[in-house]
Amino acid sequence: MPANAASNHSSKHSFSQKNRFFASTLVLCGVLLVFLSLFHRYLSSKSLTLNSEIVGNLAAASFESEKPRPLPVHISMGGVIDSDISSQVYQDGIWTVAEKGVSYLAQSARTGEAGNIIMYGHNTTKSLSKLKQLKKGDIISIKTDNGTSHFYSVTVREIIDPEKIEYIQPTSTEILTIYTCAGPLDSKRLIIQAEPTFVSSNN
């Protein structure tokens, strides 16, 4: 084989090897990205562990009377979040959640009542991505559908594992609990708790 032909053959072989390596790398990166995407979706879909017993306890602890029980409809937090609230439920092992805004667990206490008022949302710009900016002492205000505003002061800010359930248990006094995803690949949960300070009536 002439020298120039051998050289051309060697160059083509080397180019072919580089192409195969490049293609294999692209395939591997694609598989890795798909895996990371699925893993992130799995982690972010894991809400704080809740079961029917806890939901039953929350509902039983919730104040019941014949007078109207206003629903929370809007929330402002420390000047960083201003959002509508939609009522959601825990049913058949699943937390329903709004794609944007803040979700309120309808089986938990209402504002102005003794008990744990539980709110949550996605860690997205349309929901609670700025929750991490809240600090102890910041003020949260919640407006109900009768026009009353309830004000709370942040007392707890914690990063926890999804399996920790003490923050969503029923309480004997009024407390506001808000959480969203946090940490690498949304594997953790950011918990904010706040205590009531005062109420501004629409009357």
C-alpha atoms as a PDB file:
ATOM      1  CA  MET A   1       0.000   0.000   0.000  1.00  0.00           C
ATOM      2  CA  PRO A   2       1.420   3.406  -0.940  1.00  0.00           C
ATOM      3  CA  ALA A   3       2.464   5.614   1.951  1.00  0.00           C
ATOM      4  CA  ASN A   4      -0.129   8.295   1.215  1.00  0.00           C
ATOM      5  CA  ALA A   5      -2.934   5.699   1.061  1.00  0.00           C
ATOM      6  CA  ALA A   6      -1.841   4.200   4.395  1.00  0.00           C
ATOM      7  CA  SER A   7      -1.794   7.682   5.904  1.00  0.00           C
ATOM      8  CA  ASN A   8      -5.312   8.433   4.616  1.00  0.00           C
ATOM      9  CA  HIS A   9      -6.589   5.110   5.963  1.00  0.00           C
ATOM     10  CA  SER A  10      -5.054   5.800   9.385  1.00  0.00           C
ATOM     11  CA  SER A  11      -6.591   9.302   9.477  1.00  0.00           C
ATOM     12  CA  LYS A  12     -10.040   7.975   8.551  1.00  0.00           C
ATOM     13  CA  HIS A  13      -9.756   5.280  11.245  1.00  0.00           C
ATOM     14  CA  SER A  14      -8.741   7.848  13.858  1.00  0.00           C
ATOM     15  CA  PHE A  15     -11.602  10.156  12.801  1.00  0.00           C
ATOM     16  CA  SER A  16     -14.056   7.259  13.011  1.00  0.00           C
ATOM     17  CA  GLN A  17     -12.877   6.416  16.528  1.00  0.00           C
ATOM     18  CA  LYS A  18     -13.315  10.036  17.612  1.00  0.00           C
ATOM     19  CA  ASN A  19     -16.823  10.082  16.154  1.00  0.00           C
ATOM     20  CA  ARG A  20     -17.766   6.906  18.009  1.00  0.00           C
ATOM     21  CA  PHE A  21     -16.325   8.283  21.251  1.00  0.00           C
ATOM     22  CA  PHE A  22     -18.191  11.561  20.782  1.00  0.00           C
ATOM     23  CA  ALA A  23     -21.457   9.756  20.018  1.00  0.00           C
ATOM     24  CA  SER A  24     -21.036   7.468  23.034  1.00  0.00           C
ATOM     25  CA  THR A  25     -20.366  10.480  25.252  1.00  0.00           C
ATOM     26  CA  LEU A  26     -23.505  12.222  23.999  1.00  0.00           C
ATOM     27  CA  VAL A  27     -25.605   9.115  24.645  1.00  0.00           C
ATOM     28  CA  LEU A  28     -24.160   8.741  28.142  1.00  0.00           C
ATOM     29  CA  CYS A  29     -24.814  12.406  28.931  1.00  0.00           C
ATOM     30  CA  GLY A  30     -28.376  12.045  27.654  1.00  0.00           C
ATOM     31  CA  VAL A  31     -29.024   9.012  29.838  1.00  0.00           C
ATOM     32  CA  LEU A  32     -27.530  10.809  32.837  1.00  0.00           C
ATOM     33  CA  LEU A  33     -29.688  13.883  32.254  1.00  0.00           C
ATOM     34  CA  VAL A  34     -32.824  11.747  31.984  1.00  0.00           C
ATOM     35  CA  PHE A  35     -31.902   9.925  35.206  1.00  0.00           C
ATOM     36  CA  LEU A  36     -31.238  13.190  37.069  1.00  0.00           C
ATOM     37  CA  SER A  37     -34.497  14.659  35.780  1.00  0.00           C
ATOM     38  CA  LEU A  38     -36.507  11.626  36.933  1.00  0.00           C
ATOM     39  CA  PHE A  39     -34.697  11.538  40.270  1.00  0.00           C
ATOM     40  CA  HIS A  40     -35.356  15.246  40.820  1.00  0.00           C
ATOM     41  CA  ARG A  41     -39.029  14.753  39.964  1.00  0.00           C
ATOM     42  CA  TYR A  42     -39.210  11.899  42.469  1.00  0.00           C
ATOM     43  CA  LEU A  43     -37.553  13.919  45.248  1.00  0.00           C
ATOM     44  CA  SER A  44     -39.594  17.044  44.638  1.00  0.00           C
ATOM     45  CA  SER A  45     -42.832  15.041  44.567  1.00  0.00           C
ATOM     46  CA  LYS A  46     -42.160  13.631  48.040  1.00  0.00           C
ATOM     47  CA  SER A  47     -44.113  15.863  50.379  1.00  0.00           C
ATOM     48  CA  LEU A  48     -43.668  15.798  54.109  1.00  0.00           C
ATOM     49  CA  THR A  49     -44.730  12.359  55.244  1.00  0.00           C
ATOM     50  CA  LEU A  50     -48.429  12.442  56.033  1.00  0.00           C
ATOM     51  CA  ASN A  51     -50.961   9.685  56.524  1.00  0.00           C
ATOM     52  CA  SER A  52     -54.674   9.345  57.119  1.00  0.00           C
ATOM     53  CA  GLU A  53     -54.180   9.234  60.902  1.00  0.00           C
ATOM     54  CA  ILE A  54     -52.413  12.606  60.948  1.00  0.00           C
ATOM     55  CA  VAL A  55     -55.037  14.077  58.596  1.00  0.00           C
ATOM     56  CA  GLY A  56     -57.757  12.730  60.878  1.00  0.00           C
ATOM     57  CA  ASN A  57     -56.057  14.286  63.883  1.00  0.00           C
ATOM     58  CA  LEU A  58     -55.725  17.610  62.067  1.00  0.00           C
ATOM     59  CA  ALA A  59     -59.379  17.582  61.079  1.00  0.00           C
ATOM     60  CA  ALA A  60     -60.493  16.559  64.582  1.00  0.00           C
ATOM     61  CA  ALA A  61     -58.372  19.292  66.136  1.00  0.00           C
ATOM     62  CA  SER A  62     -59.782  21.895  63.763  1.00  0.00           C
ATOM     63  CA  PHE A  63     -62.341  24.182  65.383  1.00  0.00           C
ATOM     64  CA  GLU A  64     -65.951  23.409  64.491  1.00  0.00           C
ATOM     65  CA  SER A  65     -68.941  25.648  65.084  1.00  0.00           C
ATOM     66  CA  GLU A  66     -72.081  26.823  63.348  1.00  0.00           C
ATOM     67  CA  LYS A  67     -70.615  30.229  62.565  1.00  0.00           C
ATOM     68  CA  PRO A  68     -68.799  30.752  59.223  1.00  0.00           C
ATOM     69  CA  ARG A  69     -65.161  29.728  59.000  1.00  0.00           C
ATOM     70  CA  PRO A  70     -63.422  32.114  56.577  1.00  0.00           C
ATOM     71  CA  LEU A  71     -60.925  30.614  54.151  1.00  0.00           C
ATOM     72  CA  PRO A  72     -57.441  32.109  53.591  1.00  0.00           C
ATOM     73  CA  VAL A  73     -57.244  33.591  50.098  1.00  0.00           C
ATOM     74  CA  HIS A  74     -54.099  35.758  49.969  1.00  0.00           C
ATOM     75  CA  ILE A  75     -50.708  35.804  51.681  1.00  0.00           C
ATOM     76  CA  SER A  76     -47.822  38.289  51.925  1.00  0.00           C
ATOM     77  CA  MET A  77     -44.522  37.228  53.464  1.00  0.00           C
ATOM     78  CA  GLY A  78     -41.799  39.577  54.612  1.00  0.00           C
ATOM     79  CA  GLY A  79     -42.016  41.671  51.481  1.00  0.00           C
ATOM     80  CA  VAL A  80     -40.640  38.833  49.318  1.00  0.00           C
ATOM     81  CA  ILE A  81     -43.788  36.824  48.491  1.00  0.00           C
ATOM     82  CA  ASP A  82     -47.228  38.157  47.592  1.00  0.00           C
ATOM     83  CA  SER A  83     -49.494  35.385  46.384  1.00  0.00           C
ATOM     84  CA  ASP A  84     -53.015  34.041  46.149  1.00  0.00           C
ATOM     85  CA  ILE A  85     -53.913  30.966  48.183  1.00  0.00           C
ATOM     86  CA  SER A  86     -55.853  27.972  46.869  1.00  0.00           C
ATOM     87  CA  SER A  87     -57.432  25.325  49.103  1.00  0.00           C
ATOM     88  CA  GLN A  88     -56.032  21.829  48.550  1.00  0.00           C
ATOM     89  CA  VAL A  89     -56.411  18.438  50.248  1.00  0.00           C
ATOM     90  CA  TYR A  90     -54.502  15.331  51.252  1.00  0.00           C
ATOM     91  CA  GLN A  91     -56.322  12.354  49.761  1.00  0.00           C
ATOM     92  CA  ASP A  92     -55.360   8.726  49.035  1.00  0.00           C
ATOM     93  CA  GLY A  93     -51.752   9.358  50.005  1.00  0.00           C
ATOM     94  CA  ILE A  94     -51.323  12.398  47.758  1.00  0.00           C
ATOM     95  CA  TRP A  95     -51.046  16.104  48.539  1.00  0.00           C
ATOM     96  CA  THR A  96     -52.870  18.074  45.873  1.00  0.00           C
ATOM     97  CA  VAL A  97     -50.920  21.228  45.040  1.00  0.00           C
ATOM     98  CA  ALA A  98     -51.500  24.286  42.885  1.00  0.00           C
ATOM     99  CA  GLU A  99     -49.063  24.809  40.013  1.00  0.00           C
ATOM    100  CA  LYS A 100     -48.666  28.438  41.044  1.00  0.00           C
ATOM    101  CA  GLY A 101     -49.310  30.380  44.206  1.00  0.00           C
ATOM    102  CA  VAL A 102     -49.596  28.933  47.705  1.00  0.00           C
ATOM    103  CA  SER A 103     -51.619  25.850  48.632  1.00  0.00           C
ATOM    104  CA  TYR A 104     -53.568  25.609  51.901  1.00  0.00           C
ATOM    105  CA  LEU A 105     -54.305  22.187  53.389  1.00  0.00           C
ATOM    106  CA  ALA A 106     -58.069  22.387  53.878  1.00  0.00           C
ATOM    107  CA  GLN A 107     -58.021  19.658  56.543  1.00  0.00           C
ATOM    108  CA  SER A 108     -55.803  21.799  58.785  1.00  0.00           C
ATOM    109  CA  ALA A 109     -56.845  24.670  61.060  1.00  0.00           C
ATOM    110  CA  ARG A 110     -58.170  27.986  59.804  1.00  0.00           C
ATOM    111  CA  THR A 111     -56.635  31.365  60.538  1.00  0.00           C
ATOM    112  CA  GLY A 112     -57.761  32.682  63.912  1.00  0.00           C
ATOM    113  CA  GLU A 113     -58.350  29.177  65.279  1.00  0.00           C
ATOM    114  CA  ALA A 114     -56.319  27.085  67.682  1.00  0.00           C
ATOM    115  CA  GLY A 115     -54.387  24.536  65.641  1.00  0.00           C
ATOM    116  CA  ASN A 116     -51.781  24.057  62.932  1.00  0.00           C
ATOM    117  CA  ILE A 117     -52.499  26.042  59.740  1.00  0.00           C
ATOM    118  CA  ILE A 118     -50.560  24.236  56.999  1.00  0.00           C
ATOM    119  CA  MET A 119     -49.567  25.849  53.700  1.00  0.00           C
ATOM    120  CA  TYR A 120     -47.122  24.656  51.025  1.00  0.00           C
ATOM    121  CA  GLY A 121     -46.087  25.023  47.405  1.00  0.00           C
ATOM    122  CA  HIS A 122     -43.544  24.204  44.721  1.00  0.00           C
ATOM    123  CA  ASN A 123     -40.014  25.575  44.876  1.00  0.00           C
ATOM    124  CA  THR A 124     -40.587  27.647  41.725  1.00  0.00           C
ATOM    125  CA  THR A 125     -40.739  31.337  40.875  1.00  0.00           C
ATOM    126  CA  LYS A 126     -44.517  30.997  40.479  1.00  0.00           C
ATOM    127  CA  SER A 127     -44.849  29.656  44.000  1.00  0.00           C
ATOM    128  CA  LEU A 128     -42.462  29.549  46.978  1.00  0.00           C
ATOM    129  CA  SER A 129     -38.906  29.788  45.620  1.00  0.00           C
ATOM    130  CA  LYS A 130     -38.358  32.988  47.656  1.00  0.00           C
ATOM    131  CA  LEU A 131     -39.462  31.379  50.916  1.00  0.00           C
ATOM    132  CA  LYS A 132     -35.774  30.867  51.741  1.00  0.00           C
ATOM    133  CA  GLN A 133     -35.386  34.638  52.048  1.00  0.00           C
ATOM    134  CA  LEU A 134     -37.632  34.794  55.113  1.00  0.00           C
ATOM    135  CA  LYS A 135     -35.925  35.334  58.465  1.00  0.00           C
ATOM    136  CA  LYS A 136     -37.014  34.988  62.071  1.00  0.00           C
ATOM    137  CA  GLY A 137     -39.038  38.022  63.034  1.00  0.00           C
ATOM    138  CA  ASP A 138     -40.383  38.674  59.534  1.00  0.00           C
ATOM    139  CA  ILE A 139     -44.106  39.372  59.351  1.00  0.00           C
ATOM    140  CA  ILE A 140     -46.556  37.240  57.356  1.00  0.00           C
ATOM    141  CA  SER A 141     -50.060  38.508  56.661  1.00  0.00           C
ATOM    142  CA  ILE A 142     -52.970  36.360  55.497  1.00  0.00           C
ATOM    143  CA  LYS A 143     -56.256  37.763  54.206  1.00  0.00           C
ATOM    144  CA  THR A 144     -59.379  35.635  54.425  1.00  0.00           C
ATOM    145  CA  ASP A 145     -62.420  35.632  52.148  1.00  0.00           C
ATOM    146  CA  ASN A 146     -64.348  37.855  54.585  1.00  0.00           C
ATOM    147  CA  GLY A 147     -61.702  40.586  54.341  1.00  0.00           C
ATOM    148  CA  THR A 148     -60.042  39.987  57.722  1.00  0.00           C
ATOM    149  CA  SER A 149     -56.231  40.101  57.844  1.00  0.00           C
ATOM    150  CA  HIS A 150     -54.251  37.885  60.234  1.00  0.00           C
ATOM    151  CA  PHE A 151     -50.627  38.705  61.032  1.00  0.00           C
ATOM    152  CA  TYR A 152     -47.906  36.271  62.118  1.00  0.00           C
ATOM    153  CA  SER A 153     -44.251  36.597  63.150  1.00  0.00           C
ATOM    154  CA  VAL A 154     -41.722  34.001  61.936  1.00  0.00           C
ATOM    155  CA  THR A 155     -40.296  32.000  64.839  1.00  0.00           C
ATOM    156  CA  VAL A 156     -38.890  28.883  63.145  1.00  0.00           C
ATOM    157  CA  ARG A 157     -36.812  28.440  59.988  1.00  0.00           C
ATOM    158  CA  GLU A 158     -35.462  24.922  59.449  1.00  0.00           C
ATOM    159  CA  ILE A 159     -34.201  22.650  56.670  1.00  0.00           C
ATOM    160  CA  ILE A 160     -35.451  19.117  57.340  1.00  0.00           C
ATOM    161  CA  ASP A 161     -35.837  15.670  55.787  1.00  0.00           C
ATOM    162  CA  PRO A 162     -39.253  14.878  54.251  1.00  0.00           C
ATOM    163  CA  GLU A 163     -39.763  12.141  56.859  1.00  0.00           C
ATOM    164  CA  LYS A 164     -39.819  14.579  59.805  1.00  0.00           C
ATOM    165  CA  ILE A 165     -43.466  15.055  60.708  1.00  0.00           C
ATOM    166  CA  GLU A 166     -43.440  16.974  63.973  1.00  0.00           C
ATOM    167  CA  TYR A 167     -44.007  20.268  62.186  1.00  0.00           C
ATOM    168  CA  ILE A 168     -47.307  19.150  60.637  1.00  0.00           C
ATOM    169  CA  GLN A 169     -48.827  17.564  63.720  1.00  0.00           C
ATOM    170  CA  PRO A 170     -51.932  19.107  65.330  1.00  0.00           C
ATOM    171  CA  THR A 171     -51.198  21.832  67.893  1.00  0.00           C
ATOM    172  CA  SER A 172     -53.192  23.146  70.827  1.00  0.00           C
ATOM    173  CA  THR A 173     -52.423  26.766  69.964  1.00  0.00           C
ATOM    174  CA  GLU A 174     -52.592  28.659  66.680  1.00  0.00           C
ATOM    175  CA  ILE A 175     -49.467  28.236  64.552  1.00  0.00           C
ATOM    176  CA  LEU A 176     -48.813  28.838  60.865  1.00  0.00           C
ATOM    177  CA  THR A 177     -46.650  26.255  59.067  1.00  0.00           C
ATOM    178  CA  ILE A 178     -45.380  26.840  55.511  1.00  0.00           C
ATOM    179  CA  TYR A 179     -43.046  24.543  53.595  1.00  0.00           C
ATOM    180  CA  THR A 180     -41.467  23.973  50.206  1.00  0.00           C
ATOM    181  CA  CYS A 181     -38.675  21.907  48.662  1.00  0.00           C
ATOM    182  CA  ALA A 182     -35.038  22.812  49.317  1.00  0.00           C
ATOM    183  CA  GLY A 183     -31.509  21.404  49.123  1.00  0.00           C
ATOM    184  CA  PRO A 184     -29.740  19.462  46.335  1.00  0.00           C
ATOM    185  CA  LEU A 185     -32.267  18.243  43.765  1.00  0.00           C
ATOM    186  CA  ASP A 186     -35.045  19.399  46.139  1.00  0.00           C
ATOM    187  CA  SER A 187     -34.238  16.495  48.473  1.00  0.00           C
ATOM    188  CA  LYS A 188     -34.932  18.515  51.643  1.00  0.00           C
ATOM    189  CA  ARG A 189     -37.814  20.630  52.914  1.00  0.00           C
ATOM    190  CA  LEU A 190     -37.684  24.223  54.114  1.00  0.00           C
ATOM    191  CA  ILE A 191     -40.031  24.768  57.049  1.00  0.00           C
ATOM    192  CA  ILE A 192     -41.247  28.167  58.197  1.00  0.00           C
ATOM    193  CA  GLN A 193     -43.393  28.486  61.305  1.00  0.00           C
ATOM    194  CA  ALA A 194     -44.943  31.700  62.580  1.00  0.00           C
ATOM    195  CA  GLU A 195     -46.983  32.707  65.614  1.00  0.00           C
ATOM    196  CA  PRO A 196     -50.007  35.035  65.520  1.00  0.00           C
ATOM    197  CA  THR A 197     -49.462  38.669  66.509  1.00  0.00           C
ATOM    198  CA  PHE A 198     -52.696  40.517  65.760  1.00  0.00           C
ATOM    199  CA  VAL A 199     -55.857  40.572  63.619  1.00  0.00           C
ATOM    200  CA  SER A 200     -57.189  43.434  61.525  1.00  0.00           C
ATOM    201  CA  SER A 201     -60.930  43.123  60.994  1.00  0.00           C
ATOM    202  CA  ASN A 202     -62.766  44.448  57.974  1.00  0.00           C
ATOM    203  CA  ASN A 203     -65.514  45.740  60.254  1.00  0.00           C
END
